[in-house]
Amino acid sequence: MPVIESAGGRIKLNPLAHWSAHDMARALTEPDLPRHPLWEAGYDSIGCAPCTEIGDAGGRSGRWAGREKTECGIHLPSAL
């Protein structure tokens, strides 16, 4: 994933796109931040309540699992 991308007329910023698992772990442990309780329960990708469940293939497999949908709508073009 690129750090900056253009999609559907929007510019999307992904500031952690190139972080490794080690970088993410260090960002939590150095300031002594707790992990999200869903992470501790086995979720490997955490989104909103309707789209998140424990996945079986890693990454975002638990997001919109079993549905055609891949995004919640925040990245869709505005109807305005």
PDB file of N, CA and C in Angstrom:
ATOM      1  N   MET A   1       0.854  -1.164   0.000  1.00  0.00           N
ATOM      2  CA  MET A   1       0.000   0.000   0.000  1.00  0.00           C
ATOM      3  C   MET A   1       0.902   1.229   0.000  1.00  0.00           C
ATOM      4  N   PRO A   2       0.576   2.216  -0.821  1.00  0.00           N
ATOM      5  CA  PRO A   2       1.387   3.430  -0.836  1.00  0.00           C
ATOM      6  C   PRO A   2       1.058   4.347   0.345  1.00  0.00           C
ATOM      7  N   VAL A   3       1.982   5.210   0.694  1.00  0.00           N
ATOM      8  CA  VAL A   3       1.762   6.164   1.772  1.00  0.00           C
ATOM      9  C   VAL A   3       0.721   7.203   1.348  1.00  0.00           C
ATOM     10  N   ILE A   4       0.787   7.638   0.083  1.00  0.00           N
ATOM     11  CA  ILE A   4      -0.193   8.582  -0.468  1.00  0.00           C
ATOM     12  C   ILE A   4      -0.771   7.954  -1.724  1.00  0.00           C
ATOM     13  N   GLU A   5      -2.096   7.936  -1.831  1.00  0.00           N
ATOM     14  CA  GLU A   5      -2.722   7.364  -3.019  1.00  0.00           C
ATOM     15  C   GLU A   5      -3.932   8.179  -3.422  1.00  0.00           C
ATOM     16  N   SER A   6      -4.254   8.113  -4.693  1.00  0.00           N
ATOM     17  CA  SER A   6      -5.442   8.759  -5.217  1.00  0.00           C
ATOM     18  C   SER A   6      -6.432   7.655  -5.561  1.00  0.00           C
ATOM     19  N   ALA A   7      -7.662   7.797  -5.067  1.00  0.00           N
ATOM     20  CA  ALA A   7      -8.679   6.779  -5.323  1.00  0.00           C
ATOM     21  C   ALA A   7     -10.039   7.443  -5.422  1.00  0.00           C
ATOM     22  N   GLY A   8     -10.687   7.303  -6.555  1.00  0.00           N
ATOM     23  CA  GLY A   8     -12.036   7.840  -6.715  1.00  0.00           C
ATOM     24  C   GLY A   8     -12.131   9.336  -6.489  1.00  0.00           C
ATOM     25  N   GLY A   9     -11.122  10.079  -6.900  1.00  0.00           N
ATOM     26  CA  GLY A   9     -11.147  11.518  -6.720  1.00  0.00           C
ATOM     27  C   GLY A   9     -10.752  11.984  -5.330  1.00  0.00           C
ATOM     28  N   ARG A  10     -10.315  11.065  -4.482  1.00  0.00           N
ATOM     29  CA  ARG A  10      -9.885  11.410  -3.127  1.00  0.00           C
ATOM     30  C   ARG A  10      -8.400  11.111  -2.981  1.00  0.00           C
ATOM     31  N   ILE A  11      -7.768  11.866  -2.121  1.00  0.00           N
ATOM     32  CA  ILE A  11      -6.382  11.582  -1.753  1.00  0.00           C
ATOM     33  C   ILE A  11      -6.432  10.867  -0.405  1.00  0.00           C
ATOM     34  N   LYS A  12      -5.839   9.696  -0.334  1.00  0.00           N
ATOM     35  CA  LYS A  12      -5.835   8.909   0.901  1.00  0.00           C
ATOM     36  C   LYS A  12      -4.411   8.863   1.448  1.00  0.00           C
ATOM     37  N   LEU A  13      -4.278   9.116   2.747  1.00  0.00           N
ATOM     38  CA  LEU A  13      -2.986   9.066   3.411  1.00  0.00           C
ATOM     39  C   LEU A  13      -2.910   7.817   4.272  1.00  0.00           C
ATOM     40  N   ASN A  14      -1.864   7.075   4.098  1.00  0.00           N
ATOM     41  CA  ASN A  14      -1.642   5.829   4.839  1.00  0.00           C
ATOM     42  C   ASN A  14      -0.289   5.941   5.541  1.00  0.00           C
ATOM     43  N   PRO A  15      -0.211   6.735   6.620  1.00  0.00           N
ATOM     44  CA  PRO A  15       1.097   7.030   7.223  1.00  0.00           C
ATOM     45  C   PRO A  15       1.830   5.821   7.798  1.00  0.00           C
ATOM     46  N   LEU A  16       1.138   4.753   8.076  1.00  0.00           N
ATOM     47  CA  LEU A  16       1.794   3.570   8.634  1.00  0.00           C
ATOM     48  C   LEU A  16       1.969   2.469   7.596  1.00  0.00           C
ATOM     49  N   ALA A  17       1.775   2.795   6.341  1.00  0.00           N
ATOM     50  CA  ALA A  17       1.788   1.799   5.268  1.00  0.00           C
ATOM     51  C   ALA A  17       3.052   0.950   5.232  1.00  0.00           C
ATOM     52  N   HIS A  18       4.170   1.528   5.541  1.00  0.00           N
ATOM     53  CA  HIS A  18       5.429   0.788   5.445  1.00  0.00           C
ATOM     54  C   HIS A  18       5.965   0.311   6.787  1.00  0.00           C
ATOM     55  N   TRP A  19       5.132   0.396   7.820  1.00  0.00           N
ATOM     56  CA  TRP A  19       5.551  -0.098   9.130  1.00  0.00           C
ATOM     57  C   TRP A  19       5.515  -1.617   9.144  1.00  0.00           C
ATOM     58  N   SER A  20       6.505  -2.200   9.742  1.00  0.00           N
ATOM     59  CA  SER A  20       6.533  -3.657   9.924  1.00  0.00           C
ATOM     60  C   SER A  20       5.795  -4.014  11.210  1.00  0.00           C
ATOM     61  N   ALA A  21       5.573  -5.293  11.416  1.00  0.00           N
ATOM     62  CA  ALA A  21       4.962  -5.745  12.670  1.00  0.00           C
ATOM     63  C   ALA A  21       5.845  -5.327  13.847  1.00  0.00           C
ATOM     64  N   HIS A  22       7.162  -5.349  13.637  1.00  0.00           N
ATOM     65  CA  HIS A  22       8.091  -4.928  14.691  1.00  0.00           C
ATOM     66  C   HIS A  22       7.918  -3.437  15.007  1.00  0.00           C
ATOM     67  N   ASP A  23       7.773  -2.608  13.961  1.00  0.00           N
ATOM     68  CA  ASP A  23       7.561  -1.173  14.167  1.00  0.00           C
ATOM     69  C   ASP A  23       6.289  -0.925  14.972  1.00  0.00           C
ATOM     70  N   MET A  24       5.221  -1.638  14.641  1.00  0.00           N
ATOM     71  CA  MET A  24       3.950  -1.452  15.353  1.00  0.00           C
ATOM     72  C   MET A  24       4.060  -1.906  16.803  1.00  0.00           C
ATOM     73  N   ALA A  25       4.717  -3.033  17.026  1.00  0.00           N
ATOM     74  CA  ALA A  25       4.886  -3.523  18.401  1.00  0.00           C
ATOM     75  C   ALA A  25       5.702  -2.531  19.220  1.00  0.00           C
ATOM     76  N   ARG A  26       6.755  -1.993  18.617  1.00  0.00           N
ATOM     77  CA  ARG A  26       7.599  -1.024  19.318  1.00  0.00           C
ATOM     78  C   ARG A  26       6.808   0.249  19.643  1.00  0.00           C
ATOM     79  N   ALA A  27       5.955   0.694  18.743  1.00  0.00           N
ATOM     80  CA  ALA A  27       5.150   1.893  18.976  1.00  0.00           C
ATOM     81  C   ALA A  27       4.191   1.704  20.149  1.00  0.00           C
ATOM     82  N   LEU A  28       3.802   0.480  20.425  1.00  0.00           N
ATOM     83  CA  LEU A  28       2.937   0.198  21.573  1.00  0.00           C
ATOM     84  C   LEU A  28       3.729   0.003  22.859  1.00  0.00           C
ATOM     85  N   THR A  29       4.859  -0.662  22.761  1.00  0.00           N
ATOM     86  CA  THR A  29       5.589  -1.010  23.978  1.00  0.00           C
ATOM     87  C   THR A  29       6.453   0.121  24.522  1.00  0.00           C
ATOM     88  N   GLU A  30       7.036   0.941  23.652  1.00  0.00           N
ATOM     89  CA  GLU A  30       7.903   2.016  24.141  1.00  0.00           C
ATOM     90  C   GLU A  30       7.150   3.012  25.031  1.00  0.00           C
ATOM     91  N   PRO A  31       5.947   3.476  24.635  1.00  0.00           N
ATOM     92  CA  PRO A  31       5.218   4.376  25.544  1.00  0.00           C
ATOM     93  C   PRO A  31       4.312   3.604  26.512  1.00  0.00           C
ATOM     94  N   ASP A  32       4.417   2.268  26.508  1.00  0.00           N
ATOM     95  CA  ASP A  32       3.649   1.401  27.394  1.00  0.00           C
ATOM     96  C   ASP A  32       2.140   1.529  27.179  1.00  0.00           C
ATOM     97  N   LEU A  33       1.729   1.524  25.909  1.00  0.00           N
ATOM     98  CA  LEU A  33       0.308   1.583  25.576  1.00  0.00           C
ATOM     99  C   LEU A  33      -0.288   0.180  25.589  1.00  0.00           C
ATOM    100  N   PRO A  34      -1.524   0.039  26.048  1.00  0.00           N
ATOM    101  CA  PRO A  34      -2.160  -1.289  26.029  1.00  0.00           C
ATOM    102  C   PRO A  34      -2.610  -1.645  24.615  1.00  0.00           C
ATOM    103  N   ARG A  35      -2.632  -2.920  24.321  1.00  0.00           N
ATOM    104  CA  ARG A  35      -3.192  -3.373  23.038  1.00  0.00           C
ATOM    105  C   ARG A  35      -4.704  -3.268  23.111  1.00  0.00           C
ATOM    106  N   HIS A  36      -5.324  -3.108  21.970  1.00  0.00           N
ATOM    107  CA  HIS A  36      -6.788  -3.065  21.896  1.00  0.00           C
ATOM    108  C   HIS A  36      -7.322  -4.408  22.395  1.00  0.00           C
ATOM    109  N   PRO A  37      -8.389  -4.413  23.211  1.00  0.00           N
ATOM    110  CA  PRO A  37      -8.906  -5.682  23.745  1.00  0.00           C
ATOM    111  C   PRO A  37      -9.339  -6.662  22.659  1.00  0.00           C
ATOM    112  N   LEU A  38      -9.785  -6.182  21.514  1.00  0.00           N
ATOM    113  CA  LEU A  38     -10.155  -7.098  20.432  1.00  0.00           C
ATOM    114  C   LEU A  38      -8.914  -7.774  19.837  1.00  0.00           C
ATOM    115  N   TRP A  39      -7.796  -7.077  19.816  1.00  0.00           N
ATOM    116  CA  TRP A  39      -6.540  -7.677  19.347  1.00  0.00           C
ATOM    117  C   TRP A  39      -6.181  -8.851  20.253  1.00  0.00           C
ATOM    118  N   GLU A  40      -6.295  -8.609  21.550  1.00  0.00           N
ATOM    119  CA  GLU A  40      -5.990  -9.665  22.518  1.00  0.00           C
ATOM    120  C   GLU A  40      -6.964 -10.839  22.397  1.00  0.00           C
ATOM    121  N   ALA A  41      -8.184 -10.593  21.891  1.00  0.00           N
ATOM    122  CA  ALA A  41      -9.186 -11.650  21.729  1.00  0.00           C
ATOM    123  C   ALA A  41      -9.024 -12.412  20.412  1.00  0.00           C
ATOM    124  N   GLY A  42      -8.042 -12.016  19.566  1.00  0.00           N
ATOM    125  CA  GLY A  42      -7.779 -12.761  18.344  1.00  0.00           C
ATOM    126  C   GLY A  42      -8.126 -12.070  17.044  1.00  0.00           C
ATOM    127  N   TYR A  43      -8.622 -10.837  17.121  1.00  0.00           N
ATOM    128  CA  TYR A  43      -8.909 -10.093  15.893  1.00  0.00           C
ATOM    129  C   TYR A  43      -7.597  -9.564  15.332  1.00  0.00           C
ATOM    130  N   ASP A  44      -7.367  -9.718  14.024  1.00  0.00           N
ATOM    131  CA  ASP A  44      -6.125  -9.193  13.456  1.00  0.00           C
ATOM    132  C   ASP A  44      -6.346  -7.935  12.628  1.00  0.00           C
ATOM    133  N   SER A  45      -7.590  -7.518  12.471  1.00  0.00           N
ATOM    134  CA  SER A  45      -7.930  -6.269  11.802  1.00  0.00           C
ATOM    135  C   SER A  45      -9.182  -5.745  12.480  1.00  0.00           C
ATOM    136  N   ILE A  46      -9.117  -4.533  12.976  1.00  0.00           N
ATOM    137  CA  ILE A  46     -10.217  -4.005  13.765  1.00  0.00           C
ATOM    138  C   ILE A  46     -10.838  -2.813  13.062  1.00  0.00           C
ATOM    139  N   GLY A  47     -12.132  -2.913  12.803  1.00  0.00           N
ATOM    140  CA  GLY A  47     -12.879  -1.833  12.183  1.00  0.00           C
ATOM    141  C   GLY A  47     -14.085  -1.517  13.041  1.00  0.00           C
ATOM    142  N   CYS A  48     -15.155  -1.113  12.415  1.00  0.00           N
ATOM    143  CA  CYS A  48     -16.370  -0.809  13.160  1.00  0.00           C
ATOM    144  C   CYS A  48     -17.107  -2.116  13.511  1.00  0.00           C
ATOM    145  N   ALA A  49     -18.051  -2.023  14.435  1.00  0.00           N
ATOM    146  CA  ALA A  49     -18.749  -3.216  14.934  1.00  0.00           C
ATOM    147  C   ALA A  49     -19.413  -4.049  13.837  1.00  0.00           C
ATOM    148  N   PRO A  50     -20.129  -3.453  12.859  1.00  0.00           N
ATOM    149  CA  PRO A  50     -20.799  -4.304  11.865  1.00  0.00           C
ATOM    150  C   PRO A  50     -19.853  -5.024  10.907  1.00  0.00           C
ATOM    151  N   CYS A  51     -18.611  -4.530  10.769  1.00  0.00           N
ATOM    152  CA  CYS A  51     -17.735  -5.136   9.759  1.00  0.00           C
ATOM    153  C   CYS A  51     -16.620  -5.993  10.340  1.00  0.00           C
ATOM    154  N   THR A  52     -16.523  -6.116  11.635  1.00  0.00           N
ATOM    155  CA  THR A  52     -15.368  -6.782  12.228  1.00  0.00           C
ATOM    156  C   THR A  52     -15.738  -8.096  12.905  1.00  0.00           C
ATOM    157  N   GLU A  53     -15.011  -9.142  12.546  1.00  0.00           N
ATOM    158  CA  GLU A  53     -15.101 -10.415  13.251  1.00  0.00           C
ATOM    159  C   GLU A  53     -13.732 -11.064  13.175  1.00  0.00           C
ATOM    160  N   ILE A  54     -13.515 -12.088  13.927  1.00  0.00           N
ATOM    161  CA  ILE A  54     -12.220 -12.760  13.894  1.00  0.00           C
ATOM    162  C   ILE A  54     -12.057 -13.421  12.537  1.00  0.00           C
ATOM    163  N   GLY A  55     -10.968 -13.112  11.868  1.00  0.00           N
ATOM    164  CA  GLY A  55     -10.705 -13.691  10.555  1.00  0.00           C
ATOM    165  C   GLY A  55      -9.948 -14.994  10.676  1.00  0.00           C
ATOM    166  N   ASP A  56      -9.885 -15.734   9.573  1.00  0.00           N
ATOM    167  CA  ASP A  56      -9.191 -17.015   9.605  1.00  0.00           C
ATOM    168  C   ASP A  56      -7.970 -17.047   8.691  1.00  0.00           C
ATOM    169  N   ALA A  57      -7.743 -15.969   7.949  1.00  0.00           N
ATOM    170  CA  ALA A  57      -6.626 -15.986   7.006  1.00  0.00           C
ATOM    171  C   ALA A  57      -5.613 -14.878   7.282  1.00  0.00           C
ATOM    172  N   GLY A  58      -5.751 -14.174   8.378  1.00  0.00           N
ATOM    173  CA  GLY A  58      -4.833 -13.084   8.682  1.00  0.00           C
ATOM    174  C   GLY A  58      -5.178 -11.826   7.903  1.00  0.00           C
ATOM    175  N   GLY A  59      -4.466 -10.761   8.201  1.00  0.00           N
ATOM    176  CA  GLY A  59      -4.703  -9.497   7.519  1.00  0.00           C
ATOM    177  C   GLY A  59      -6.103  -8.977   7.761  1.00  0.00           C
ATOM    178  N   ARG A  60      -6.832  -8.681   6.701  1.00  0.00           N
ATOM    179  CA  ARG A  60      -8.172  -8.119   6.813  1.00  0.00           C
ATOM    180  C   ARG A  60      -9.258  -9.167   6.568  1.00  0.00           C
ATOM    181  N   SER A  61      -8.950 -10.431   6.755  1.00  0.00           N
ATOM    182  CA  SER A  61      -9.919 -11.489   6.446  1.00  0.00           C
ATOM    183  C   SER A  61     -11.182 -11.419   7.295  1.00  0.00           C
ATOM    184  N   GLY A  62     -11.130 -10.781   8.448  1.00  0.00           N
ATOM    185  CA  GLY A  62     -12.306 -10.664   9.301  1.00  0.00           C
ATOM    186  C   GLY A  62     -13.152  -9.441   9.015  1.00  0.00           C
ATOM    187  N   ARG A  63     -12.735  -8.627   8.047  1.00  0.00           N
ATOM    188  CA  ARG A  63     -13.485  -7.429   7.696  1.00  0.00           C
ATOM    189  C   ARG A  63     -14.489  -7.782   6.603  1.00  0.00           C
ATOM    190  N   TRP A  64     -15.764  -7.591   6.871  1.00  0.00           N
ATOM    191  CA  TRP A  64     -16.859  -7.895   5.946  1.00  0.00           C
ATOM    192  C   TRP A  64     -16.796  -9.345   5.485  1.00  0.00           C
ATOM    193  N   ALA A  65     -16.402 -10.236   6.355  1.00  0.00           N
ATOM    194  CA  ALA A  65     -16.270 -11.661   6.019  1.00  0.00           C
ATOM    195  C   ALA A  65     -17.581 -12.230   5.487  1.00  0.00           C
ATOM    196  N   GLY A  66     -17.483 -12.970   4.373  1.00  0.00           N
ATOM    197  CA  GLY A  66     -18.646 -13.613   3.781  1.00  0.00           C
ATOM    198  C   GLY A  66     -19.561 -12.669   3.020  1.00  0.00           C
ATOM    199  N   ARG A  67     -19.137 -11.432   2.821  1.00  0.00           N
ATOM    200  CA  ARG A  67     -19.955 -10.455   2.106  1.00  0.00           C
ATOM    201  C   ARG A  67     -19.192  -9.954   0.888  1.00  0.00           C
ATOM    202  N   GLU A  68     -19.914  -9.430  -0.067  1.00  0.00           N
ATOM    203  CA  GLU A  68     -19.298  -8.852  -1.255  1.00  0.00           C
ATOM    204  C   GLU A  68     -18.571  -7.557  -0.919  1.00  0.00           C
ATOM    205  N   LYS A  69     -19.007  -6.906   0.148  1.00  0.00           N
ATOM    206  CA  LYS A  69     -18.499  -5.603   0.541  1.00  0.00           C
ATOM    207  C   LYS A  69     -17.039  -5.690   0.997  1.00  0.00           C
ATOM    208  N   THR A  70     -16.232  -4.662   0.675  1.00  0.00           N
ATOM    209  CA  THR A  70     -14.851  -4.616   1.142  1.00  0.00           C
ATOM    210  C   THR A  70     -14.540  -3.327   1.888  1.00  0.00           C
ATOM    211  N   GLU A  71     -15.406  -2.346   1.813  1.00  0.00           N
ATOM    212  CA  GLU A  71     -15.207  -1.070   2.494  1.00  0.00           C
ATOM    213  C   GLU A  71     -16.509  -0.664   3.171  1.00  0.00           C
ATOM    214  N   CYS A  72     -16.407   0.100   4.259  1.00  0.00           N
ATOM    215  CA  CYS A  72     -17.600   0.520   4.995  1.00  0.00           C
ATOM    216  C   CYS A  72     -18.305   1.692   4.341  1.00  0.00           C
ATOM    217  N   GLY A  73     -17.645   2.390   3.443  1.00  0.00           N
ATOM    218  CA  GLY A  73     -18.268   3.519   2.769  1.00  0.00           C
ATOM    219  C   GLY A  73     -17.498   4.810   2.927  1.00  0.00           C
ATOM    220  N   ILE A  74     -16.591   4.878   3.883  1.00  0.00           N
ATOM    221  CA  ILE A  74     -15.849   6.110   4.116  1.00  0.00           C
ATOM    222  C   ILE A  74     -15.013   6.490   2.887  1.00  0.00           C
ATOM    223  N   HIS A  75     -14.641   5.527   2.069  1.00  0.00           N
ATOM    224  CA  HIS A  75     -13.817   5.816   0.903  1.00  0.00           C
ATOM    225  C   HIS A  75     -14.629   5.961  -0.381  1.00  0.00           C
ATOM    226  N   LEU A  76     -15.940   5.874  -0.272  1.00  0.00           N
ATOM    227  CA  LEU A  76     -16.782   6.009  -1.462  1.00  0.00           C
ATOM    228  C   LEU A  76     -16.967   7.478  -1.792  1.00  0.00           C
ATOM    229  N   PRO A  77     -17.166   7.822  -3.064  1.00  0.00           N
ATOM    230  CA  PRO A  77     -17.372   9.223  -3.433  1.00  0.00           C
ATOM    231  C   PRO A  77     -18.568   9.817  -2.697  1.00  0.00           C
ATOM    232  N   SER A  78     -18.457  11.053  -2.343  1.00  0.00           N
ATOM    233  CA  SER A  78     -19.538  11.755  -1.634  1.00  0.00           C
ATOM    234  C   SER A  78     -20.732  11.939  -2.556  1.00  0.00           C
ATOM    235  N   ALA A  79     -21.919  11.865  -1.977  1.00  0.00           N
ATOM    236  CA  ALA A  79     -23.162  12.064  -2.751  1.00  0.00           C
ATOM    237  C   ALA A  79     -23.505  13.545  -2.864  1.00  0.00           C
ATOM    238  N   LEU A  80     -22.683  14.412  -2.277  1.00  0.00           N
ATOM    239  CA  LEU A  80     -22.972  15.846  -2.322  1.00  0.00           C
ATOM    240  C   LEU A  80     -22.748  16.435  -3.682  1.00  0.00           C
TER     241      LEU A  80
END
